[in-house]
Each structure stands twice: as structure tokens, then as C-alpha cells.
Amino acid sequence: MGQSKQIHAAIDRIEDNDVAVLLLGDDEKTQVDLPLSLLPSGASDGDHLKITISIDKESRDAAASRVKSLQDKLTQKSGAQNHKDFKL
């Protein structure tokens, strides 16, 4: 697995019973709205969270492979194998 970063977050409030307003970072100055369904069950106003963000290399590689496969199929169907290289 690649590098990861852990971020402190505090739930400032819950809006409309489906959006949690989080204050991020040690200074809690960055505000982010997040669907309540993405938080642990029972999370509520005033709770503090640890959010871990990591790069998902396997997912990225799989997506690149899918795009490459689609590019190859498009090139074959267009009959332009030797004409122009393109990237999506």
C-alpha cells in the first residue's frame, strides 16, 4: 500500500438528518459536508473522528488498464492503427 495521511475531524453539526458538517485539521478551520451515511453508525454532533486517506494504486492501475483496453478497441474499429496516437 502507498503512503497515507491521517486527518483529525470534528462533527460540528448534522443538517437535515443526512449531511454531517465536519471541521478538519488540528485547527478545525476547514469545513467539509459529508453524507451522514459515510460516517460510522451512531456518529453525532461533537464526535471526533480520524480520517485516513491513502492512494489506491491498485484501483488506479485497474482504471488505466480499462482505458487502455478501450483505446485499443477504438483504434481497431477505426482502422487507424498506424495514424495517430491519442490519450483520453
PDB file of N, CA and C in Angstrom:
ATOM      1  N   MET A   1       0.845  -1.185   0.000  1.00  0.00           N
ATOM      2  CA  MET A   1       0.000   0.000   0.000  1.00  0.00           C
ATOM      3  C   MET A   1       0.883   1.238   0.000  1.00  0.00           C
ATOM      4  N   GLY A   2       0.409   2.327  -0.592  1.00  0.00           N
ATOM      5  CA  GLY A   2       1.179   3.555  -0.677  1.00  0.00           C
ATOM      6  C   GLY A   2       1.126   4.358   0.594  1.00  0.00           C
ATOM      7  N   GLN A   3       1.547   5.582   0.467  1.00  0.00           N
ATOM      8  CA  GLN A   3       1.539   6.479   1.609  1.00  0.00           C
ATOM      9  C   GLN A   3       0.105   6.813   2.007  1.00  0.00           C
ATOM     10  N   SER A   4      -0.052   7.125   3.286  1.00  0.00           N
ATOM     11  CA  SER A   4      -1.366   7.552   3.746  1.00  0.00           C
ATOM     12  C   SER A   4      -1.190   8.731   4.698  1.00  0.00           C
ATOM     13  N   LYS A   5      -2.286   9.418   4.924  1.00  0.00           N
ATOM     14  CA  LYS A   5      -2.275  10.573   5.822  1.00  0.00           C
ATOM     15  C   LYS A   5      -3.512  10.479   6.699  1.00  0.00           C
ATOM     16  N   GLN A   6      -3.330  10.751   7.965  1.00  0.00           N
ATOM     17  CA  GLN A   6      -4.452  10.728   8.888  1.00  0.00           C
ATOM     18  C   GLN A   6      -4.820  12.165   9.255  1.00  0.00           C
ATOM     19  N   ILE A   7      -6.106  12.454   9.206  1.00  0.00           N
ATOM     20  CA  ILE A   7      -6.609  13.804   9.441  1.00  0.00           C
ATOM     21  C   ILE A   7      -7.594  13.783  10.604  1.00  0.00           C
ATOM     22  N   HIS A   8      -7.471  14.757  11.485  1.00  0.00           N
ATOM     23  CA  HIS A   8      -8.426  14.927  12.577  1.00  0.00           C
ATOM     24  C   HIS A   8      -9.668  15.622  12.025  1.00  0.00           C
ATOM     25  N   ALA A   9     -10.835  15.191  12.474  1.00  0.00           N
ATOM     26  CA  ALA A   9     -12.093  15.847  12.091  1.00  0.00           C
ATOM     27  C   ALA A   9     -13.027  15.858  13.287  1.00  0.00           C
ATOM     28  N   ALA A  10     -13.807  16.917  13.385  1.00  0.00           N
ATOM     29  CA  ALA A  10     -14.838  17.010  14.416  1.00  0.00           C
ATOM     30  C   ALA A  10     -16.177  17.237  13.720  1.00  0.00           C
ATOM     31  N   ILE A  11     -17.201  16.542  14.185  1.00  0.00           N
ATOM     32  CA  ILE A  11     -18.529  16.750  13.620  1.00  0.00           C
ATOM     33  C   ILE A  11     -19.114  17.992  14.280  1.00  0.00           C
ATOM     34  N   ASP A  12     -19.231  19.047  13.508  1.00  0.00           N
ATOM     35  CA  ASP A  12     -19.765  20.307  14.021  1.00  0.00           C
ATOM     36  C   ASP A  12     -21.282  20.219  14.203  1.00  0.00           C
ATOM     37  N   ARG A  13     -21.940  19.652  13.179  1.00  0.00           N
ATOM     38  CA  ARG A  13     -23.401  19.546  13.245  1.00  0.00           C
ATOM     39  C   ARG A  13     -23.892  18.586  12.171  1.00  0.00           C
ATOM     40  N   ILE A  14     -25.127  18.151  12.330  1.00  0.00           N
ATOM     41  CA  ILE A  14     -25.819  17.322  11.340  1.00  0.00           C
ATOM     42  C   ILE A  14     -26.950  18.171  10.763  1.00  0.00           C
ATOM     43  N   GLU A  15     -27.001  18.272   9.446  1.00  0.00           N
ATOM     44  CA  GLU A  15     -28.039  19.072   8.794  1.00  0.00           C
ATOM     45  C   GLU A  15     -29.011  18.162   8.053  1.00  0.00           C
ATOM     46  N   ASP A  16     -30.299  18.428   8.206  1.00  0.00           N
ATOM     47  CA  ASP A  16     -31.377  17.707   7.511  1.00  0.00           C
ATOM     48  C   ASP A  16     -31.298  16.193   7.721  1.00  0.00           C
ATOM     49  N   ASN A  17     -30.725  15.768   8.828  1.00  0.00           N
ATOM     50  CA  ASN A  17     -30.600  14.342   9.174  1.00  0.00           C
ATOM     51  C   ASN A  17     -29.858  13.507   8.133  1.00  0.00           C
ATOM     52  N   ASP A  18     -29.115  14.157   7.222  1.00  0.00           N
ATOM     53  CA  ASP A  18     -28.376  13.348   6.244  1.00  0.00           C
ATOM     54  C   ASP A  18     -27.018  13.918   5.846  1.00  0.00           C
ATOM     55  N   VAL A  19     -26.666  15.103   6.317  1.00  0.00           N
ATOM     56  CA  VAL A  19     -25.374  15.705   5.988  1.00  0.00           C
ATOM     57  C   VAL A  19     -24.652  16.089   7.273  1.00  0.00           C
ATOM     58  N   ALA A  20     -23.413  15.577   7.402  1.00  0.00           N
ATOM     59  CA  ALA A  20     -22.586  15.945   8.545  1.00  0.00           C
ATOM     60  C   ALA A  20     -21.636  17.049   8.108  1.00  0.00           C
ATOM     61  N   VAL A  21     -21.568  18.108   8.895  1.00  0.00           N
ATOM     62  CA  VAL A  21     -20.627  19.190   8.641  1.00  0.00           C
ATOM     63  C   VAL A  21     -19.406  18.904   9.505  1.00  0.00           C
ATOM     64  N   LEU A  22     -18.278  18.609   8.845  1.00  0.00           N
ATOM     65  CA  LEU A  22     -17.043  18.279   9.542  1.00  0.00           C
ATOM     66  C   LEU A  22     -16.092  19.459   9.524  1.00  0.00           C
ATOM     67  N   LEU A  23     -15.375  19.624  10.614  1.00  0.00           N
ATOM     68  CA  LEU A  23     -14.306  20.612  10.694  1.00  0.00           C
ATOM     69  C   LEU A  23     -13.004  19.820  10.714  1.00  0.00           C
ATOM     70  N   LEU A  24     -12.155  20.052   9.705  1.00  0.00           N
ATOM     71  CA  LEU A  24     -10.961  19.239   9.512  1.00  0.00           C
ATOM     72  C   LEU A  24      -9.688  19.915   9.999  1.00  0.00           C
ATOM     73  N   GLY A  25      -8.715  19.069  10.336  1.00  0.00           N
ATOM     74  CA  GLY A  25      -7.395  19.548  10.725  1.00  0.00           C
ATOM     75  C   GLY A  25      -7.316  19.855  12.208  1.00  0.00           C
ATOM     76  N   ASP A  26      -6.090  19.983  12.685  1.00  0.00           N
ATOM     77  CA  ASP A  26      -5.893  20.278  14.106  1.00  0.00           C
ATOM     78  C   ASP A  26      -6.506  21.619  14.502  1.00  0.00           C
ATOM     79  N   ASP A  27      -6.542  22.567  13.558  1.00  0.00           N
ATOM     80  CA  ASP A  27      -7.131  23.871  13.848  1.00  0.00           C
ATOM     81  C   ASP A  27      -8.632  23.911  13.572  1.00  0.00           C
ATOM     82  N   GLU A  28      -9.162  22.854  12.960  1.00  0.00           N
ATOM     83  CA  GLU A  28     -10.590  22.734  12.640  1.00  0.00           C
ATOM     84  C   GLU A  28     -11.116  23.924  11.846  1.00  0.00           C
ATOM     85  N   LYS A  29     -10.302  24.430  10.934  1.00  0.00           N
ATOM     86  CA  LYS A  29     -10.708  25.597  10.145  1.00  0.00           C
ATOM     87  C   LYS A  29     -11.292  25.238   8.783  1.00  0.00           C
ATOM     88  N   THR A  30     -11.040  24.026   8.312  1.00  0.00           N
ATOM     89  CA  THR A  30     -11.558  23.619   7.008  1.00  0.00           C
ATOM     90  C   THR A  30     -12.866  22.873   7.202  1.00  0.00           C
ATOM     91  N   GLN A  31     -13.901  23.349   6.520  1.00  0.00           N
ATOM     92  CA  GLN A  31     -15.233  22.750   6.657  1.00  0.00           C
ATOM     93  C   GLN A  31     -15.552  21.898   5.438  1.00  0.00           C
ATOM     94  N   VAL A  32     -16.082  20.687   5.685  1.00  0.00           N
ATOM     95  CA  VAL A  32     -16.472  19.774   4.613  1.00  0.00           C
ATOM     96  C   VAL A  32     -17.831  19.172   4.951  1.00  0.00           C
ATOM     97  N   ASP A  33     -18.718  19.138   3.963  1.00  0.00           N
ATOM     98  CA  ASP A  33     -20.004  18.461   4.123  1.00  0.00           C
ATOM     99  C   ASP A  33     -19.858  17.043   3.604  1.00  0.00           C
ATOM    100  N   LEU A  34     -20.353  16.084   4.376  1.00  0.00           N
ATOM    101  CA  LEU A  34     -20.223  14.673   4.016  1.00  0.00           C
ATOM    102  C   LEU A  34     -21.546  13.981   4.306  1.00  0.00           C
ATOM    103  N   PRO A  35     -21.995  13.118   3.396  1.00  0.00           N
ATOM    104  CA  PRO A  35     -23.230  12.380   3.692  1.00  0.00           C
ATOM    105  C   PRO A  35     -23.077  11.607   5.010  1.00  0.00           C
ATOM    106  N   LEU A  36     -24.064  11.700   5.853  1.00  0.00           N
ATOM    107  CA  LEU A  36     -24.046  11.028   7.147  1.00  0.00           C
ATOM    108  C   LEU A  36     -23.870   9.518   6.976  1.00  0.00           C
ATOM    109  N   SER A  37     -24.351   8.991   5.868  1.00  0.00           N
ATOM    110  CA  SER A  37     -24.251   7.548   5.616  1.00  0.00           C
ATOM    111  C   SER A  37     -22.810   7.065   5.483  1.00  0.00           C
ATOM    112  N   LEU A  38     -21.855   7.975   5.235  1.00  0.00           N
ATOM    113  CA  LEU A  38     -20.456   7.586   5.113  1.00  0.00           C
ATOM    114  C   LEU A  38     -19.728   7.557   6.452  1.00  0.00           C
ATOM    115  N   LEU A  39     -20.381   8.029   7.499  1.00  0.00           N
ATOM    116  CA  LEU A  39     -19.765   8.049   8.821  1.00  0.00           C
ATOM    117  C   LEU A  39     -20.119   6.788   9.593  1.00  0.00           C
ATOM    118  N   PRO A  40     -19.335   6.477  10.627  1.00  0.00           N
ATOM    119  CA  PRO A  40     -19.661   5.299  11.444  1.00  0.00           C
ATOM    120  C   PRO A  40     -21.062   5.423  12.053  1.00  0.00           C
ATOM    121  N   SER A  41     -21.726   4.292  12.193  1.00  0.00           N
ATOM    122  CA  SER A  41     -23.058   4.264  12.783  1.00  0.00           C
ATOM    123  C   SER A  41     -23.015   4.890  14.175  1.00  0.00           C
ATOM    124  N   GLY A  42     -23.967   5.752  14.458  1.00  0.00           N
ATOM    125  CA  GLY A  42     -24.051   6.386  15.765  1.00  0.00           C
ATOM    126  C   GLY A  42     -23.258   7.675  15.894  1.00  0.00           C
ATOM    127  N   ALA A  43     -22.517   8.067  14.857  1.00  0.00           N
ATOM    128  CA  ALA A  43     -21.756   9.320  14.912  1.00  0.00           C
ATOM    129  C   ALA A  43     -22.727  10.490  15.034  1.00  0.00           C
ATOM    130  N   SER A  44     -22.362  11.461  15.877  1.00  0.00           N
ATOM    131  CA  SER A  44     -23.254  12.608  16.068  1.00  0.00           C
ATOM    132  C   SER A  44     -22.466  13.870  16.380  1.00  0.00           C
ATOM    133  N   ASP A  45     -23.194  14.968  16.527  1.00  0.00           N
ATOM    134  CA  ASP A  45     -22.595  16.274  16.824  1.00  0.00           C
ATOM    135  C   ASP A  45     -21.580  16.146  17.956  1.00  0.00           C
ATOM    136  N   GLY A  46     -20.426  16.778  17.772  1.00  0.00           N
ATOM    137  CA  GLY A  46     -19.416  16.802  18.816  1.00  0.00           C
ATOM    138  C   GLY A  46     -18.439  15.640  18.788  1.00  0.00           C
ATOM    139  N   ASP A  47     -18.762  14.581  18.041  1.00  0.00           N
ATOM    140  CA  ASP A  47     -17.832  13.450  17.952  1.00  0.00           C
ATOM    141  C   ASP A  47     -16.582  13.855  17.182  1.00  0.00           C
ATOM    142  N   HIS A  48     -15.460  13.275  17.579  1.00  0.00           N
ATOM    143  CA  HIS A  48     -14.200  13.494  16.878  1.00  0.00           C
ATOM    144  C   HIS A  48     -13.869  12.231  16.095  1.00  0.00           C
ATOM    145  N   LEU A  49     -13.313  12.419  14.911  1.00  0.00           N
ATOM    146  CA  LEU A  49     -13.025  11.321  14.002  1.00  0.00           C
ATOM    147  C   LEU A  49     -11.565  11.353  13.565  1.00  0.00           C
ATOM    148  N   LYS A  50     -11.060  10.210  13.147  1.00  0.00           N
ATOM    149  CA  LYS A  50      -9.777  10.112  12.469  1.00  0.00           C
ATOM    150  C   LYS A  50     -10.092   9.631  11.063  1.00  0.00           C
ATOM    151  N   ILE A  51      -9.690  10.420  10.079  1.00  0.00           N
ATOM    152  CA  ILE A  51      -9.918  10.064   8.682  1.00  0.00           C
ATOM    153  C   ILE A  51      -8.568   9.719   8.070  1.00  0.00           C
ATOM    154  N   THR A  52      -8.478   8.532   7.508  1.00  0.00           N
ATOM    155  CA  THR A  52      -7.245   8.112   6.856  1.00  0.00           C
ATOM    156  C   THR A  52      -7.452   8.157   5.350  1.00  0.00           C
ATOM    157  N   ILE A  53      -6.554   8.863   4.666  1.00  0.00           N
ATOM    158  CA  ILE A  53      -6.609   8.977   3.216  1.00  0.00           C
ATOM    159  C   ILE A  53      -5.346   8.332   2.662  1.00  0.00           C
ATOM    160  N   SER A  54      -5.543   7.411   1.727  1.00  0.00           N
ATOM    161  CA  SER A  54      -4.386   6.756   1.124  1.00  0.00           C
ATOM    162  C   SER A  54      -4.594   6.632  -0.379  1.00  0.00           C
ATOM    163  N   ILE A  55      -3.498   6.545  -1.084  1.00  0.00           N
ATOM    164  CA  ILE A  55      -3.545   6.367  -2.530  1.00  0.00           C
ATOM    165  C   ILE A  55      -3.852   4.904  -2.813  1.00  0.00           C
ATOM    166  N   ASP A  56      -4.829   4.669  -3.677  1.00  0.00           N
ATOM    167  CA  ASP A  56      -5.226   3.317  -4.040  1.00  0.00           C
ATOM    168  C   ASP A  56      -4.614   2.988  -5.401  1.00  0.00           C
ATOM    169  N   LYS A  57      -3.368   2.552  -5.392  1.00  0.00           N
ATOM    170  CA  LYS A  57      -2.634   2.268  -6.623  1.00  0.00           C
ATOM    171  C   LYS A  57      -3.295   1.150  -7.423  1.00  0.00           C
ATOM    172  N   GLU A  58      -3.793   0.128  -6.749  1.00  0.00           N
ATOM    173  CA  GLU A  58      -4.420  -0.988  -7.457  1.00  0.00           C
ATOM    174  C   GLU A  58      -5.642  -0.526  -8.253  1.00  0.00           C
ATOM    175  N   SER A  59      -6.464   0.338  -7.644  1.00  0.00           N
ATOM    176  CA  SER A  59      -7.641   0.851  -8.331  1.00  0.00           C
ATOM    177  C   SER A  59      -7.234   1.722  -9.519  1.00  0.00           C
ATOM    178  N   ARG A  60      -6.212   2.551  -9.325  1.00  0.00           N
ATOM    179  CA  ARG A  60      -5.735   3.412 -10.403  1.00  0.00           C
ATOM    180  C   ARG A  60      -5.205   2.564 -11.562  1.00  0.00           C
ATOM    181  N   ASP A  61      -4.417   1.536 -11.247  1.00  0.00           N
ATOM    182  CA  ASP A  61      -3.875   0.665 -12.284  1.00  0.00           C
ATOM    183  C   ASP A  61      -4.988  -0.060 -13.045  1.00  0.00           C
ATOM    184  N   ALA A  62      -6.014  -0.501 -12.319  1.00  0.00           N
ATOM    185  CA  ALA A  62      -7.145  -1.182 -12.963  1.00  0.00           C
ATOM    186  C   ALA A  62      -7.877  -0.224 -13.902  1.00  0.00           C
ATOM    187  N   ALA A  63      -8.067   1.023 -13.475  1.00  0.00           N
ATOM    188  CA  ALA A  63      -8.739   2.014 -14.317  1.00  0.00           C
ATOM    189  C   ALA A  63      -7.902   2.305 -15.563  1.00  0.00           C
ATOM    190  N   ALA A  64      -6.587   2.431 -15.401  1.00  0.00           N
ATOM    191  CA  ALA A  64      -5.701   2.681 -16.544  1.00  0.00           C
ATOM    192  C   ALA A  64      -5.766   1.517 -17.525  1.00  0.00           C
ATOM    193  N   SER A  65      -5.841   0.306 -17.001  1.00  0.00           N
ATOM    194  CA  SER A  65      -5.931  -0.877 -17.856  1.00  0.00           C
ATOM    195  C   SER A  65      -7.243  -0.877 -18.649  1.00  0.00           C
ATOM    196  N   ARG A  66      -8.346  -0.510 -17.987  1.00  0.00           N
ATOM    197  CA  ARG A  66      -9.641  -0.439 -18.677  1.00  0.00           C
ATOM    198  C   ARG A  66      -9.607   0.620 -19.788  1.00  0.00           C
ATOM    199  N   VAL A  67      -9.014   1.775 -19.506  1.00  0.00           N
ATOM    200  CA  VAL A  67      -8.928   2.842 -20.505  1.00  0.00           C
ATOM    201  C   VAL A  67      -8.065   2.395 -21.679  1.00  0.00           C
ATOM    202  N   LYS A  68      -6.935   1.754 -21.394  1.00  0.00           N
ATOM    203  CA  LYS A  68      -6.041   1.268 -22.453  1.00  0.00           C
ATOM    204  C   LYS A  68      -6.785   0.260 -23.340  1.00  0.00           C
ATOM    205  N   SER A  69      -7.550  -0.635 -22.719  1.00  0.00           N
ATOM    206  CA  SER A  69      -8.310  -1.622 -23.474  1.00  0.00           C
ATOM    207  C   SER A  69      -9.334  -0.942 -24.386  1.00  0.00           C
ATOM    208  N   LEU A  70     -10.024   0.066 -23.863  1.00  0.00           N
ATOM    209  CA  LEU A  70     -10.995   0.808 -24.680  1.00  0.00           C
ATOM    210  C   LEU A  70     -10.306   1.550 -25.820  1.00  0.00           C
ATOM    211  N   GLN A  71      -9.143   2.139 -25.544  1.00  0.00           N
ATOM    212  CA  GLN A  71      -8.392   2.829 -26.595  1.00  0.00           C
ATOM    213  C   GLN A  71      -8.012   1.854 -27.707  1.00  0.00           C
ATOM    214  N   ASP A  72      -7.542   0.677 -27.307  1.00  0.00           N
ATOM    215  CA  ASP A  72      -7.160  -0.335 -28.295  1.00  0.00           C
ATOM    216  C   ASP A  72      -8.356  -0.748 -29.141  1.00  0.00           C
ATOM    217  N   LYS A  73      -9.506  -0.955 -28.519  1.00  0.00           N
ATOM    218  CA  LYS A  73     -10.710  -1.341 -29.262  1.00  0.00           C
ATOM    219  C   LYS A  73     -11.126  -0.245 -30.239  1.00  0.00           C
ATOM    220  N   LEU A  74     -11.076   1.016 -29.781  1.00  0.00           N
ATOM    221  CA  LEU A  74     -11.443   2.137 -30.653  1.00  0.00           C
ATOM    222  C   LEU A  74     -10.491   2.238 -31.830  1.00  0.00           C
ATOM    223  N   THR A  75      -9.206   2.052 -31.572  1.00  0.00           N
ATOM    224  CA  THR A  75      -8.212   2.118 -32.637  1.00  0.00           C
ATOM    225  C   THR A  75      -8.462   1.023 -33.666  1.00  0.00           C
ATOM    226  N   GLN A  76      -8.752  -0.191 -33.193  1.00  0.00           N
ATOM    227  CA  GLN A  76      -9.011  -1.309 -34.106  1.00  0.00           C
ATOM    228  C   GLN A  76     -10.261  -1.066 -34.935  1.00  0.00           C
ATOM    229  N   LYS A  77     -11.314  -0.565 -34.307  1.00  0.00           N
ATOM    230  CA  LYS A  77     -12.567  -0.322 -35.031  1.00  0.00           C
ATOM    231  C   LYS A  77     -12.437   0.812 -36.041  1.00  0.00           C
ATOM    232  N   SER A  78     -11.592   1.800 -35.727  1.00  0.00           N
ATOM    233  CA  SER A  78     -11.464   2.952 -36.617  1.00  0.00           C
ATOM    234  C   SER A  78     -10.570   2.645 -37.812  1.00  0.00           C
ATOM    235  N   GLY A  79      -9.765   1.598 -37.703  1.00  0.00           N
ATOM    236  CA  GLY A  79      -8.838   1.280 -38.780  1.00  0.00           C
ATOM    237  C   GLY A  79      -7.666   2.236 -38.828  1.00  0.00           C
ATOM    238  N   ALA A  80      -7.409   2.947 -37.730  1.00  0.00           N
ATOM    239  CA  ALA A  80      -6.356   3.967 -37.712  1.00  0.00           C
ATOM    240  C   ALA A  80      -5.158   3.533 -36.864  1.00  0.00           C
ATOM    241  N   GLN A  81      -4.840   2.246 -36.892  1.00  0.00           N
ATOM    242  CA  GLN A  81      -3.755   1.742 -36.046  1.00  0.00           C
ATOM    243  C   GLN A  81      -2.436   2.484 -36.278  1.00  0.00           C
ATOM    244  N   ASN A  82      -2.151   2.858 -37.489  1.00  0.00           N
ATOM    245  CA  ASN A  82      -0.852   3.467 -37.809  1.00  0.00           C
ATOM    246  C   ASN A  82      -0.925   4.972 -38.053  1.00  0.00           C
ATOM    247  N   HIS A  83      -2.034   5.591 -37.644  1.00  0.00           N
ATOM    248  CA  HIS A  83      -2.193   7.003 -37.968  1.00  0.00           C
ATOM    249  C   HIS A  83      -1.864   7.935 -36.807  1.00  0.00           C
ATOM    250  N   LYS A  84      -2.670   7.941 -35.792  1.00  0.00           N
ATOM    251  CA  LYS A  84      -2.474   8.934 -34.739  1.00  0.00           C
ATOM    252  C   LYS A  84      -2.639   8.279 -33.382  1.00  0.00           C
ATOM    253  N   ASP A  85      -1.701   8.589 -32.493  1.00  0.00           N
ATOM    254  CA  ASP A  85      -1.787   8.118 -31.117  1.00  0.00           C
ATOM    255  C   ASP A  85      -2.646   9.115 -30.342  1.00  0.00           C
ATOM    256  N   PHE A  86      -3.533   8.622 -29.516  1.00  0.00           N
ATOM    257  CA  PHE A  86      -4.381   9.510 -28.743  1.00  0.00           C
ATOM    258  C   PHE A  86      -4.430   9.038 -27.297  1.00  0.00           C
ATOM    259  N   LYS A  87      -4.728   9.985 -26.398  1.00  0.00           N
ATOM    260  CA  LYS A  87      -4.893   9.672 -24.991  1.00  0.00           C
ATOM    261  C   LYS A  87      -6.216  10.260 -24.532  1.00  0.00           C
ATOM    262  N   LEU A  88      -6.874   9.544 -23.648  1.00  0.00           N
ATOM    263  CA  LEU A  88      -8.133  10.042 -23.099  1.00  0.00           C
ATOM    264  C   LEU A  88      -7.892  10.613 -21.737  1.00  0.00           C
TER     265      LEU A  88
END
